[in-house]
C-alpha atoms as a PDB file:
ATOM      1  CA  MET A   1     -19.567   2.659 -13.884  1.00  0.00           C
ATOM      2  CA  SER A   2     -19.341  -0.478 -11.997  1.00  0.00           C
ATOM      3  CA  PRO A   3     -22.019  -1.616 -10.027  1.00  0.00           C
ATOM      4  CA  ALA A   4     -19.985  -0.822  -6.901  1.00  0.00           C
ATOM      5  CA  ASP A   5     -19.145   3.177  -8.067  1.00  0.00           C
ATOM      6  CA  LYS A   6     -22.881   3.506  -7.301  1.00  0.00           C
ATOM      7  CA  LEU A   7     -23.023   2.592  -3.875  1.00  0.00           C
ATOM      8  CA  PRO A   8     -23.550   5.292  -0.961  1.00  0.00           C
ATOM      9  CA  SER A   9     -19.884   6.218   0.584  1.00  0.00           C
ATOM     10  CA  LEU A  10     -18.790   6.035   4.098  1.00  0.00           C
ATOM     11  CA  HIS A  11     -15.414   7.751   4.947  1.00  0.00           C
ATOM     12  CA  VAL A  12     -13.533   6.416   7.887  1.00  0.00           C
ATOM     13  CA  VAL A  13     -10.414   7.202   9.841  1.00  0.00           C
ATOM     14  CA  ALA A  14      -8.743   4.807  12.226  1.00  0.00           C
ATOM     15  CA  ALA A  15      -5.310   4.708  14.028  1.00  0.00           C
ATOM     16  CA  VAL A  16      -3.121   1.965  14.964  1.00  0.00           C
ATOM     17  CA  ILE A  17      -2.199   2.938  17.602  1.00  0.00           C
ATOM     18  CA  ARG A  18       1.161   1.359  18.860  1.00  0.00           C
ATOM     19  CA  GLY A  19       2.898   1.387  22.609  1.00  0.00           C
ATOM     20  CA  THR A  20       6.288   1.619  23.348  1.00  0.00           C
ATOM     21  CA  ASP A  21       6.300  -1.991  23.839  1.00  0.00           C
ATOM     22  CA  GLY A  22       5.061  -2.601  20.244  1.00  0.00           C
ATOM     23  CA  ARG A  23       1.945  -3.549  21.205  1.00  0.00           C
ATOM     24  CA  ILE A  24      -1.354  -2.110  19.431  1.00  0.00           C
ATOM     25  CA  LEU A  25      -4.555  -1.345  20.497  1.00  0.00           C
ATOM     26  CA  ILE A  26      -7.792  -2.719  19.712  1.00  0.00           C
ATOM     27  CA  THR A  27     -11.450  -1.938  20.508  1.00  0.00           C
ATOM     28  CA  ARG A  28     -14.733  -4.014  20.454  1.00  0.00           C
ATOM     29  CA  ARG A  29     -17.978  -3.180  19.141  1.00  0.00           C
ATOM     30  CA  SER A  30     -20.881  -2.880  20.824  1.00  0.00           C
ATOM     31  CA  PRO A  31     -22.949  -6.194  20.182  1.00  0.00           C
ATOM     32  CA  GLN A  32     -26.018  -3.815  19.249  1.00  0.00           C
ATOM     33  CA  VAL A  33     -24.348  -2.067  16.318  1.00  0.00           C
ATOM     34  CA  ASP A  34     -23.606  -3.372  12.763  1.00  0.00           C
ATOM     35  CA  GLN A  35     -20.803  -6.397  13.033  1.00  0.00           C
ATOM     36  CA  GLY A  36     -21.339  -5.874  16.735  1.00  0.00           C
ATOM     37  CA  GLY A  37     -18.457  -8.451  19.002  1.00  0.00           C
ATOM     38  CA  LEU A  38     -16.432  -7.840  16.634  1.00  0.00           C
ATOM     39  CA  TRP A  39     -12.834  -6.238  17.098  1.00  0.00           C
ATOM     40  CA  GLU A  40     -11.918  -2.942  15.426  1.00  0.00           C
ATOM     41  CA  PHE A  41      -9.116  -0.481  15.524  1.00  0.00           C
ATOM     42  CA  PRO A  42     -10.471   2.880  17.103  1.00  0.00           C
ATOM     43  CA  GLY A  43     -11.944   5.319  15.049  1.00  0.00           C
ATOM     44  CA  GLY A  44     -14.962   6.790  13.104  1.00  0.00           C
ATOM     45  CA  LYS A  45     -16.610   8.540  10.311  1.00  0.00           C
ATOM     46  CA  LEU A  46     -15.555  11.711   9.151  1.00  0.00           C
ATOM     47  CA  GLU A  47     -18.272  14.799   9.474  1.00  0.00           C
ATOM     48  CA  PRO A  48     -18.872  16.729   6.328  1.00  0.00           C
ATOM     49  CA  GLY A  49     -15.555  18.815   5.588  1.00  0.00           C
ATOM     50  CA  GLU A  50     -13.677  17.819   8.390  1.00  0.00           C
ATOM     51  CA  PRO A  51     -10.157  17.152   7.861  1.00  0.00           C
ATOM     52  CA  ARG A  52      -8.922  13.480   8.156  1.00  0.00           C
ATOM     53  CA  ARG A  53      -6.250  14.351  10.847  1.00  0.00           C
ATOM     54  CA  ARG A  54      -8.287  16.770  12.831  1.00  0.00           C
ATOM     55  CA  GLY A  55     -11.369  13.857  12.458  1.00  0.00           C
ATOM     56  CA  LEU A  56      -9.037  11.454  13.908  1.00  0.00           C
ATOM     57  CA  GLN A  57      -8.381  13.316  16.482  1.00  0.00           C
ATOM     58  CA  ARG A  58     -11.965  14.215  17.415  1.00  0.00           C
ATOM     59  CA  GLU A  59     -12.638  10.397  16.868  1.00  0.00           C
ATOM     60  CA  LEU A  60     -10.033   9.269  19.762  1.00  0.00           C
ATOM     61  CA  GLU A  61     -10.822  11.667  22.076  1.00  0.00           C
ATOM     62  CA  GLU A  62     -14.319  10.850  22.205  1.00  0.00           C
ATOM     63  CA  GLU A  63     -13.726   6.894  22.096  1.00  0.00           C
ATOM     64  CA  LEU A  64     -10.333   6.647  24.461  1.00  0.00           C
ATOM     65  CA  GLY A  65      -9.907   9.776  25.897  1.00  0.00           C
ATOM     66  CA  ILE A  66      -6.509  11.016  24.560  1.00  0.00           C
ATOM     67  CA  ARG A  67      -5.185  13.573  22.808  1.00  0.00           C
ATOM     68  CA  LEU A  68      -2.719  13.043  19.769  1.00  0.00           C
ATOM     69  CA  GLU A  69       0.784  14.177  19.802  1.00  0.00           C
ATOM     70  CA  HIS A  70       2.680  12.075  16.952  1.00  0.00           C
ATOM     71  CA  ALA A  71       0.851  10.170  13.983  1.00  0.00           C
ATOM     72  CA  ALA A  72       1.998   9.203  10.338  1.00  0.00           C
ATOM     73  CA  PRO A  73      -0.188   7.908   7.457  1.00  0.00           C
ATOM     74  CA  LEU A  74      -0.498   4.087   7.385  1.00  0.00           C
ATOM     75  CA  LEU A  75      -2.715   2.774   4.489  1.00  0.00           C
ATOM     76  CA  GLN A  76      -5.408   4.524   2.353  1.00  0.00           C
ATOM     77  CA  LEU A  77      -7.772   1.840   0.728  1.00  0.00           C
ATOM     78  CA  THR A  78     -11.102   0.790  -0.128  1.00  0.00           C
ATOM     79  CA  HIS A  79     -13.566  -1.213   0.907  1.00  0.00           C
ATOM     80  CA  ASP A  80     -16.700  -2.129  -0.777  1.00  0.00           C
ATOM     81  CA  TYR A  81     -19.748  -4.192   1.561  1.00  0.00           C
ATOM     82  CA  PRO A  82     -22.634  -4.985  -0.076  1.00  0.00           C
ATOM     83  CA  HIS A  83     -24.779  -1.964   1.048  1.00  0.00           C
ATOM     84  CA  GLN A  84     -21.815   0.589   0.981  1.00  0.00           C
ATOM     85  CA  ARG A  85     -18.674   1.787   0.315  1.00  0.00           C
ATOM     86  CA  VAL A  86     -16.124   2.379   2.787  1.00  0.00           C
ATOM     87  CA  LEU A  87     -13.063   4.804   2.408  1.00  0.00           C
ATOM     88  CA  LEU A  88      -9.967   4.392   5.019  1.00  0.00           C
ATOM     89  CA  ASP A  89      -7.530   6.308   6.086  1.00  0.00           C
ATOM     90  CA  VAL A  90      -5.312   5.006   8.928  1.00  0.00           C
ATOM     91  CA  PHE A  91      -2.670   6.255  10.537  1.00  0.00           C
ATOM     92  CA  GLU A  92      -0.150   4.797  12.933  1.00  0.00           C
ATOM     93  CA  VAL A  93       0.135   6.903  16.246  1.00  0.00           C
ATOM     94  CA  THR A  94       2.897   6.696  18.268  1.00  0.00           C
ATOM     95  CA  ARG A  95       2.933   9.422  20.872  1.00  0.00           C
ATOM     96  CA  TRP A  96      -0.182  10.849  22.933  1.00  0.00           C
ATOM     97  CA  GLN A  97      -1.365  12.290  26.488  1.00  0.00           C
ATOM     98  CA  GLY A  98      -3.559  10.337  28.367  1.00  0.00           C
ATOM     99  CA  THR A  99      -4.048   6.889  29.538  1.00  0.00           C
ATOM    100  CA  PRO A 100      -6.751   5.236  26.660  1.00  0.00           C
ATOM    101  CA  TRP A 101      -9.772   3.652  28.254  1.00  0.00           C
ATOM    102  CA  GLY A 102     -13.242   2.812  26.978  1.00  0.00           C
ATOM    103  CA  ARG A 103     -15.150   6.221  27.317  1.00  0.00           C
ATOM    104  CA  GLU A 104     -18.244   4.253  25.542  1.00  0.00           C
ATOM    105  CA  GLY A 105     -18.250   1.249  27.503  1.00  0.00           C
ATOM    106  CA  GLN A 106     -16.015  -0.422  25.021  1.00  0.00           C
ATOM    107  CA  PRO A 107     -13.575  -3.153  25.784  1.00  0.00           C
ATOM    108  CA  LEU A 108      -9.887  -2.614  25.107  1.00  0.00           C
ATOM    109  CA  GLN A 109      -7.038  -4.793  24.573  1.00  0.00           C
ATOM    110  CA  TRP A 110      -3.520  -4.330  23.985  1.00  0.00           C
ATOM    111  CA  VAL A 111      -2.171  -6.965  21.538  1.00  0.00           C
ATOM    112  CA  ALA A 112       1.535  -8.196  20.098  1.00  0.00           C
ATOM    113  CA  PRO A 113       1.146  -7.583  16.093  1.00  0.00           C
ATOM    114  CA  GLU A 114       1.929 -11.340  15.349  1.00  0.00           C
ATOM    115  CA  PHE A 115      -1.233 -12.309  17.753  1.00  0.00           C
ATOM    116  CA  LEU A 116      -3.356  -9.747  15.794  1.00  0.00           C
ATOM    117  CA  LEU A 117      -4.464 -12.937  13.868  1.00  0.00           C
ATOM    118  CA  ASP A 118      -6.270 -14.325  16.829  1.00  0.00           C
ATOM    119  CA  TYR A 119      -9.250 -11.782  16.843  1.00  0.00           C
ATOM    120  CA  ALA A 120     -12.001 -11.398  14.039  1.00  0.00           C
ATOM    121  CA  PHE A 121     -12.058  -8.015  12.465  1.00  0.00           C
ATOM    122  CA  PRO A 122     -14.940  -6.752   9.642  1.00  0.00           C
ATOM    123  CA  ALA A 123     -13.556  -7.491   6.221  1.00  0.00           C
ATOM    124  CA  ALA A 124     -12.844  -3.734   6.214  1.00  0.00           C
ATOM    125  CA  ASN A 125      -9.598  -4.438   8.954  1.00  0.00           C
ATOM    126  CA  ALA A 126      -7.854  -7.209   6.931  1.00  0.00           C
ATOM    127  CA  PRO A 127      -5.781  -5.009   5.079  1.00  0.00           C
ATOM    128  CA  ILE A 128      -5.130  -2.848   8.377  1.00  0.00           C
ATOM    129  CA  VAL A 129      -4.071  -6.155  10.473  1.00  0.00           C
ATOM    130  CA  THR A 130      -1.561  -6.750   7.834  1.00  0.00           C
ATOM    131  CA  ALA A 131      -0.045  -3.548   7.434  1.00  0.00           C
ATOM    132  CA  ALA A 132       0.079  -3.152  11.437  1.00  0.00           C
ATOM    133  CA  ARG A 133       2.361  -6.582  10.656  1.00  0.00           C
ATOM    134  CA  LEU A 134       4.683  -4.911   9.071  1.00  0.00           C
ATOM    135  CA  PRO A 135       7.651  -2.884   9.099  1.00  0.00           C
ATOM    136  CA  ARG A 136       7.949   0.684   6.584  1.00  0.00           C
ATOM    137  CA  TRP A 137      10.821  -0.693   4.785  1.00  0.00           C
ATOM    138  CA  CYS A 138      11.707  -4.303   2.663  1.00  0.00           C
ATOM    139  CA  LEU A 139      14.709  -5.077   1.444  1.00  0.00           C
ATOM    140  CA  VAL A 140      15.043  -6.784  -1.886  1.00  0.00           C
ATOM    141  CA  THR A 141      18.296  -8.394  -2.082  1.00  0.00           C
ATOM    142  CA  PRO A 142      20.581  -7.955  -4.868  1.00  0.00           C
ATOM    143  CA  ALA A 143      22.190 -11.111  -6.400  1.00  0.00           C
ATOM    144  CA  PRO A 144      25.763 -12.221  -5.130  1.00  0.00           C
ATOM    145  CA  GLU A 145      27.908 -11.234  -7.557  1.00  0.00           C
ATOM    146  CA  ALA A 146      31.063 -12.715  -5.445  1.00  0.00           C
ATOM    147  CA  SER A 147      31.722 -14.920  -2.515  1.00  0.00           C
ATOM    148  CA  VAL A 148      28.778 -15.640  -0.835  1.00  0.00           C
ATOM    149  CA  ALA A 149      30.293 -15.402   2.524  1.00  0.00           C
ATOM    150  CA  VAL A 150      30.761 -11.803   1.639  1.00  0.00           C
ATOM    151  CA  TRP A 151      27.188 -11.552   0.755  1.00  0.00           C
ATOM    152  CA  LEU A 152      26.024 -12.717   3.461  1.00  0.00           C
ATOM    153  CA  ALA A 153      27.808 -10.717   5.552  1.00  0.00           C
ATOM    154  CA  ALA A 154      26.411  -7.694   3.928  1.00  0.00           C
ATOM    155  CA  LEU A 155      22.821  -9.459   4.706  1.00  0.00           C
ATOM    156  CA  GLU A 156      23.866  -9.078   8.231  1.00  0.00           C
ATOM    157  CA  ARG A 157      24.545  -5.620   8.478  1.00  0.00           C
ATOM    158  CA  CYS A 158      21.241  -4.934   6.921  1.00  0.00           C
ATOM    159  CA  VAL A 159      19.336  -6.678   9.728  1.00  0.00           C
ATOM    160  CA  GLN A 160      21.831  -5.548  12.070  1.00  0.00           C
ATOM    161  CA  ALA A 161      20.927  -2.026  11.039  1.00  0.00           C
ATOM    162  CA  GLY A 162      17.546  -3.092  11.618  1.00  0.00           C
ATOM    163  CA  ILE A 163      15.642  -4.182   8.637  1.00  0.00           C
ATOM    164  CA  ARG A 164      13.130  -6.643   9.764  1.00  0.00           C
ATOM    165  CA  LEU A 165      11.549  -7.595   6.050  1.00  0.00           C
ATOM    166  CA  VAL A 166      13.809  -8.850   3.323  1.00  0.00           C
ATOM    167  CA  GLN A 167      12.851 -10.901   0.036  1.00  0.00           C
ATOM    168  CA  LEU A 168      15.476 -13.061  -1.398  1.00  0.00           C
ATOM    169  CA  ARG A 169      16.001 -12.401  -4.734  1.00  0.00           C
ATOM    170  CA  ALA A 170      18.634 -14.402  -7.262  1.00  0.00           C
ATOM    171  CA  PRO A 171      17.123 -15.089 -10.112  1.00  0.00           C
ATOM    172  CA  ALA A 172      20.525 -15.932 -12.069  1.00  0.00           C
ATOM    173  CA  LEU A 173      21.144 -18.812  -9.508  1.00  0.00           C
ATOM    174  CA  ALA A 174      21.216 -22.015 -10.193  1.00  0.00           C
ATOM    175  CA  ARG A 175      18.592 -24.096  -8.187  1.00  0.00           C
ATOM    176  CA  ALA A 176      20.677 -25.765  -5.644  1.00  0.00           C
ATOM    177  CA  ASP A 177      22.970 -22.450  -4.947  1.00  0.00           C
ATOM    178  CA  TYR A 178      19.361 -20.697  -4.506  1.00  0.00           C
ATOM    179  CA  ILE A 179      18.557 -23.118  -1.905  1.00  0.00           C
ATOM    180  CA  SER A 180      21.975 -23.129  -0.190  1.00  0.00           C
ATOM    181  CA  LEU A 181      22.064 -19.212  -0.315  1.00  0.00           C
ATOM    182  CA  ALA A 182      18.553 -19.248   0.661  1.00  0.00           C
ATOM    183  CA  GLU A 183      19.142 -21.803   4.288  1.00  0.00           C
ATOM    184  CA  SER A 184      21.731 -19.606   5.173  1.00  0.00           C
ATOM    185  CA  SER A 185      19.906 -16.528   4.754  1.00  0.00           C
ATOM    186  CA  ILE A 186      16.373 -17.311   6.574  1.00  0.00           C
ATOM    187  CA  ALA A 187      18.614 -18.636   9.730  1.00  0.00           C
ATOM    188  CA  LEU A 188      20.754 -15.163   9.603  1.00  0.00           C
ATOM    189  CA  VAL A 189      17.182 -13.459   9.396  1.00  0.00           C
ATOM    190  CA  HIS A 190      15.738 -15.335  11.914  1.00  0.00           C
ATOM    191  CA  ARG A 191      18.338 -14.499  14.319  1.00  0.00           C
ATOM    192  CA  TYR A 192      17.620 -11.183  14.514  1.00  0.00           C
ATOM    193  CA  GLY A 193      13.665 -11.535  14.505  1.00  0.00           C
ATOM    194  CA  GLY A 194      13.064 -10.766  11.061  1.00  0.00           C
ATOM    195  CA  ARG A 195      10.880 -12.334   8.019  1.00  0.00           C
ATOM    196  CA  ILE A 196      12.083 -13.275   4.914  1.00  0.00           C
ATOM    197  CA  LEU A 197      10.533 -14.067   1.470  1.00  0.00           C
ATOM    198  CA  LEU A 198      11.693 -16.381  -1.052  1.00  0.00           C
ATOM    199  CA  ASN A 199      11.476 -14.865  -4.777  1.00  0.00           C
ATOM    200  CA  ALA A 200      10.781 -18.618  -5.552  1.00  0.00           C
ATOM    201  CA  GLU A 201       8.056 -21.443  -5.652  1.00  0.00           C
ATOM    202  CA  PRO A 202       6.059 -21.355  -3.059  1.00  0.00           C
ATOM    203  CA  ALA A 203       6.766 -24.859  -1.995  1.00  0.00           C
ATOM    204  CA  LEU A 204      10.265 -24.198  -1.441  1.00  0.00           C
ATOM    205  CA  ALA A 205       9.510 -21.623   0.862  1.00  0.00           C
ATOM    206  CA  HIS A 206       7.283 -23.762   2.918  1.00  0.00           C
ATOM    207  CA  ALA A 207      10.117 -26.259   2.573  1.00  0.00           C
ATOM    208  CA  LEU A 208      12.777 -24.272   4.093  1.00  0.00           C
ATOM    209  CA  ALA A 209      10.805 -22.721   7.115  1.00  0.00           C
ATOM    210  CA  ALA A 210      10.699 -19.262   5.408  1.00  0.00           C
ATOM    211  CA  ASP A 211       8.151 -16.692   6.305  1.00  0.00           C
ATOM    212  CA  GLY A 212       6.594 -16.409   2.982  1.00  0.00           C
ATOM    213  CA  VAL A 213       6.835 -16.076  -0.860  1.00  0.00           C
ATOM    214  CA  HIS A 214       6.613 -13.387  -3.218  1.00  0.00           C
ATOM    215  CA  LEU A 215       5.308 -13.757  -6.752  1.00  0.00           C
ATOM    216  CA  ASN A 216       6.733 -12.154  -9.642  1.00  0.00           C
ATOM    217  CA  SER A 217       4.640 -11.235 -12.337  1.00  0.00           C
ATOM    218  CA  ARG A 218       4.570 -14.786 -13.897  1.00  0.00           C
ATOM    219  CA  ALA A 219       4.373 -16.373 -10.740  1.00  0.00           C
ATOM    220  CA  LEU A 220       1.126 -14.436 -10.267  1.00  0.00           C
ATOM    221  CA  ARG A 221      -0.296 -15.165 -13.467  1.00  0.00           C
ATOM    222  CA  GLU A 222       0.091 -19.038 -12.246  1.00  0.00           C
ATOM    223  CA  HIS A 223      -1.840 -18.638  -9.315  1.00  0.00           C
ATOM    224  CA  LEU A 224      -5.428 -18.763  -8.733  1.00  0.00           C
ATOM    225  CA  VAL A 225      -5.634 -19.146  -5.123  1.00  0.00           C
ATOM    226  CA  ARG A 226      -3.275 -18.276  -2.528  1.00  0.00           C
ATOM    227  CA  PRO A 227      -0.411 -20.596  -2.308  1.00  0.00           C
ATOM    228  CA  LEU A 228       0.306 -20.767   1.351  1.00  0.00           C
ATOM    229  CA  PRO A 229      -1.444 -20.916   4.464  1.00  0.00           C
ATOM    230  CA  SER A 230      -1.638 -17.770   7.095  1.00  0.00           C
ATOM    231  CA  PRO A 231       0.417 -16.579   8.775  1.00  0.00           C
ATOM    232  CA  MET A 232       2.769 -17.454   6.273  1.00  0.00           C
ATOM    233  CA  LEU A 233       2.998 -14.171   3.834  1.00  0.00           C
ATOM    234  CA  VAL A 234       2.089 -13.924   0.464  1.00  0.00           C
ATOM    235  CA  SER A 235       3.499 -10.729  -2.167  1.00  0.00           C
ATOM    236  CA  ALA A 236       3.130 -10.049  -5.391  1.00  0.00           C
ATOM    237  CA  ALA A 237       5.117  -7.437  -8.031  1.00  0.00           C
ATOM    238  CA  CYS A 238       2.691  -5.348  -9.490  1.00  0.00           C
ATOM    239  CA  HIS A 239       2.757  -2.888 -12.235  1.00  0.00           C
ATOM    240  CA  ASP A 240      -0.967  -1.942 -12.906  1.00  0.00           C
ATOM    241  CA  THR A 241      -4.397  -2.895 -12.066  1.00  0.00           C
ATOM    242  CA  THR A 242      -4.789  -6.001 -14.154  1.00  0.00           C
ATOM    243  CA  GLU A 243      -2.148  -7.146 -11.691  1.00  0.00           C
ATOM    244  CA  LEU A 244      -3.390  -5.558  -8.798  1.00  0.00           C
ATOM    245  CA  ALA A 245      -6.891  -7.584  -9.291  1.00  0.00           C
ATOM    246  CA  ALA A 246      -5.079 -10.463  -9.921  1.00  0.00           C
ATOM    247  CA  ALA A 247      -3.145 -10.167  -6.722  1.00  0.00           C
ATOM    248  CA  ARG A 248      -6.671  -9.518  -4.719  1.00  0.00           C
ATOM    249  CA  ALA A 249      -8.104 -12.680  -6.419  1.00  0.00           C
ATOM    250  CA  VAL A 250      -5.391 -14.719  -5.029  1.00  0.00           C
ATOM    251  CA  GLY A 251      -5.321 -13.146  -1.788  1.00  0.00           C
ATOM    252  CA  VAL A 252      -2.191 -11.832  -1.351  1.00  0.00           C
ATOM    253  CA  ASP A 253      -1.136  -9.992   2.100  1.00  0.00           C
ATOM    254  CA  PHE A 254       0.562  -7.106   0.054  1.00  0.00           C
ATOM    255  CA  VAL A 255       2.100  -5.678  -3.123  1.00  0.00           C
ATOM    256  CA  LEU A 256       4.681  -4.329  -4.537  1.00  0.00           C
ATOM    257  CA  ILE A 257       3.903  -1.571  -6.514  1.00  0.00           C
ATOM    258  CA  SER A 258       6.773  -0.526  -9.575  1.00  0.00           C
ATOM    259  CA  PRO A 259       8.709   1.260 -11.153  1.00  0.00           C
ATOM    260  CA  VAL A 260       8.210   4.601  -9.620  1.00  0.00           C
ATOM    261  CA  ALA A 261      11.095   6.067 -10.984  1.00  0.00           C
ATOM    262  CA  ALA A 262      14.078   5.029 -13.336  1.00  0.00           C
ATOM    263  CA  THR A 263      16.290   2.191 -11.974  1.00  0.00           C
ATOM    264  CA  HIS A 264      19.951   1.145 -13.051  1.00  0.00           C
ATOM    265  CA  SER A 265      18.830  -2.386 -13.800  1.00  0.00           C
ATOM    266  CA  HIS A 266      15.910  -1.317 -16.057  1.00  0.00           C
ATOM    267  CA  PRO A 267      17.199   1.919 -17.986  1.00  0.00           C
ATOM    268  CA  GLY A 268      15.210   3.577 -20.066  1.00  0.00           C
ATOM    269  CA  ALA A 269      11.805   1.687 -18.713  1.00  0.00           C
ATOM    270  CA  PRO A 270       8.678   3.501 -18.543  1.00  0.00           C
ATOM    271  CA  THR A 271       8.162   4.445 -15.027  1.00  0.00           C
ATOM    272  CA  LEU A 272       4.824   5.398 -12.659  1.00  0.00           C
ATOM    273  CA  GLY A 273       5.951   8.379 -11.354  1.00  0.00           C
ATOM    274  CA  TRP A 274       4.398   9.801  -7.654  1.00  0.00           C
ATOM    275  CA  SER A 275       0.482  10.108  -9.825  1.00  0.00           C
ATOM    276  CA  GLY A 276       1.222   6.541 -11.261  1.00  0.00           C
ATOM    277  CA  LEU A 277       1.749   5.181  -7.786  1.00  0.00           C
ATOM    278  CA  ARG A 278      -0.738   7.107  -5.963  1.00  0.00           C
ATOM    279  CA  ALA A 279      -3.778   5.823  -8.233  1.00  0.00           C
ATOM    280  CA  LEU A 280      -2.540   2.019  -7.996  1.00  0.00           C
ATOM    281  CA  ALA A 281      -1.904   2.356  -4.355  1.00  0.00           C
ATOM    282  CA  GLN A 282      -5.114   4.002  -3.203  1.00  0.00           C
ATOM    283  CA  SER A 283      -7.136   1.333  -5.621  1.00  0.00           C
ATOM    284  CA  ALA A 284      -5.094  -1.612  -4.368  1.00  0.00           C
ATOM    285  CA  GLY A 285      -6.793  -2.763  -1.706  1.00  0.00           C
ATOM    286  CA  LEU A 286      -4.070  -3.977  -0.002  1.00  0.00           C
ATOM    287  CA  PRO A 287      -0.777  -2.675   1.845  1.00  0.00           C
ATOM    288  CA  SER A 288       1.398  -1.523  -0.468  1.00  0.00           C
ATOM    289  CA  PHE A 289       5.341  -0.802  -0.893  1.00  0.00           C
ATOM    290  CA  ALA A 290       6.353   1.488  -3.668  1.00  0.00           C
ATOM    291  CA  LEU A 291       9.303   0.050  -5.690  1.00  0.00           C
ATOM    292  CA  GLY A 292      11.845   1.053  -8.299  1.00  0.00           C
ATOM    293  CA  GLY A 293      14.778   3.712  -7.701  1.00  0.00           C
ATOM    294  CA  LEU A 294      13.834   4.687  -4.490  1.00  0.00           C
ATOM    295  CA  GLY A 295      15.534   5.451  -1.283  1.00  0.00           C
ATOM    296  CA  PRO A 296      15.324   6.681   2.655  1.00  0.00           C
ATOM    297  CA  GLN A 297      14.466   9.931   1.238  1.00  0.00           C
ATOM    298  CA  ASP A 298      11.048   8.532  -0.500  1.00  0.00           C
ATOM    299  CA  LEU A 299       9.621   7.146   2.397  1.00  0.00           C
ATOM    300  CA  ALA A 300       7.377  10.079   3.403  1.00  0.00           C
ATOM    301  CA  LEU A 301       6.174  10.717  -0.415  1.00  0.00           C
ATOM    302  CA  ALA A 302       5.333   7.038  -0.540  1.00  0.00           C
ATOM    303  CA  ALA A 303       3.181   7.269   2.021  1.00  0.00           C
ATOM    304  CA  ALA A 304       1.741  10.506   1.067  1.00  0.00           C
ATOM    305  CA  ALA A 305       0.847   8.227  -2.186  1.00  0.00           C
ATOM    306  CA  GLY A 306      -1.105   5.874  -0.019  1.00  0.00           C
ATOM    307  CA  CYS A 307       1.592   3.174   0.491  1.00  0.00           C
ATOM    308  CA  LEU A 308       2.718   1.763   3.712  1.00  0.00           C
ATOM    309  CA  GLY A 309       6.356   2.023   2.687  1.00  0.00           C
ATOM    310  CA  VAL A 310       8.951   1.494   0.125  1.00  0.00           C
ATOM    311  CA  ALA A 311      10.758  -1.645  -0.923  1.00  0.00           C
ATOM    312  CA  SER A 312      14.402  -1.321  -1.810  1.00  0.00           C
ATOM    313  CA  SER A 313      17.390  -3.041  -3.450  1.00  0.00           C
ATOM    314  CA  SER A 314      20.531  -0.891  -4.228  1.00  0.00           C
ATOM    315  CA  ALA A 315      19.474   2.170  -1.640  1.00  0.00           C
ATOM    316  CA  GLY A 316      19.010  -0.590   1.307  1.00  0.00           C
ATOM    317  CA  TRP A 317      21.754  -2.679   0.494  1.00  0.00           C
ATOM    318  CA  ARG A 318      24.328  -0.089   0.667  1.00  0.00           C
ATOM    319  CA  ASP A 319      23.073   2.432   3.825  1.00  0.00           C
ATOM    320  CA  PRO A 320      20.576   0.149   5.806  1.00  0.00           C
ATOM    321  CA  GLY A 321      20.943   2.218   8.455  1.00  0.00           C
ATOM    322  CA  ALA A 322      19.575   5.518   6.677  1.00  0.00           C
ATOM    323  CA  MET A 323      16.564   3.420   5.894  1.00  0.00           C
ATOM    324  CA  ASP A 324      16.258   2.400   9.427  1.00  0.00           C
ATOM    325  CA  ALA A 325      16.402   5.737  10.626  1.00  0.00           C
ATOM    326  CA  ALA A 326      13.870   7.295   7.504  1.00  0.00           C
ATOM    327  CA  ALA A 327      11.275   5.034   9.455  1.00  0.00           C
ATOM    328  CA  ALA A 328      11.549   6.264  12.779  1.00  0.00           C
ATOM    329  CA  THR A 329      11.738   9.589  11.506  1.00  0.00           C
ATOM    330  CA  HIS A 330       8.618   9.028   9.717  1.00  0.00           C
ATOM    331  CA  ALA A 331       6.594   7.617  12.507  1.00  0.00           C
ATOM    332  CA  LEU A 332       7.383  10.618  15.265  1.00  0.00           C
ATOM    333  CA  ALA A 333       6.293  12.951  12.358  1.00  0.00           C
ATOM    334  CA  SER A 334       4.712  15.888  14.300  1.00  0.00           C
ATOM    335  CA  PHE A 335       0.749  15.257  14.134  1.00  0.00           C
ATOM    336  CA  GLY A 336       0.151  19.063  13.940  1.00  0.00           C
ATOM    337  CA  GLY A 337       2.761  19.567  11.185  1.00  0.00           C
ATOM    338  CA  LEU A 338       1.032  16.672   8.975  1.00  0.00           C
ATOM    339  CA  GLU A 339      -2.764  18.141   9.156  1.00  0.00           C
ATOM    340  CA  ASN A 340      -1.956  19.892   5.985  1.00  0.00           C
ATOM    341  CA  ALA A 341       0.240  17.455   4.258  1.00  0.00           C
ATOM    342  CA  ALA A 342      -1.161  16.410   0.720  1.00  0.00           C
ATOM    343  CA  LEU A 343      -2.179  12.986   0.165  1.00  0.00           C
END
């Protein structure tokens, strides 16, 4: 048992409350409490034996005077402070009754996701800030097999359908060809308001004005510190607890955990399954995307396992509209209907 395992635990529920304009509600902690003056996401500690969603509903009624109508799991994580371990269950709230106001005298602020980094939060909230800035889907591109023009047209169909986070993966391309493809892809994705990470060296992502970099297992082992400054994004491929620990040490923003299910690219390879995914995602301490043989129908299961969403290559490339529709359906899941869902 590690020293952290002996810490007293505090189970907390929190809400990323997202308005119809996309802005997110944050509140300011009283100067008189622990970490006073910092901003946070509304919520609070659960009562003994209290279901998580019921506790969230109670907390938001007490703090903001609103009644939940729709919420969906966003993130589960553990954060160790020197004096206690905090277990965080975070939900995305997209519909409620009433107008939020500070019933405890706390200041409120509606903030566009891209400006959340301008506010000071408790350390345990850092992964929530990241999750609030990310979509439910990450498209991992297949490599071009025919003409680049045809491939770019397919990528445009994806972003037109609503995909807003793309990882450009084409390991077989020569460097010059990858750079050319990256330049065209970055311009295309940015034209639709999306973000694109390069599966390449961080210096190239910076030079080409991409939104960040994805570190495969080899690249993750090569980095001891975060390779790009915030607000650029850094993601990493993780397959076990050792790689998750390395990702946390490097300071990545989110991880892709794989393989959950069998894939055409790695036939016969061992898979995590949903139980293995759950064990890794809930211990990651970072927003996680489930990867490997998954499609739109798997988003709810991935969220139940503690993931922010799903990363997909073939399914997303083939039917991006279904991915976007699944995310919209998940965000509007009935709060009451989710009360007894297994996490």
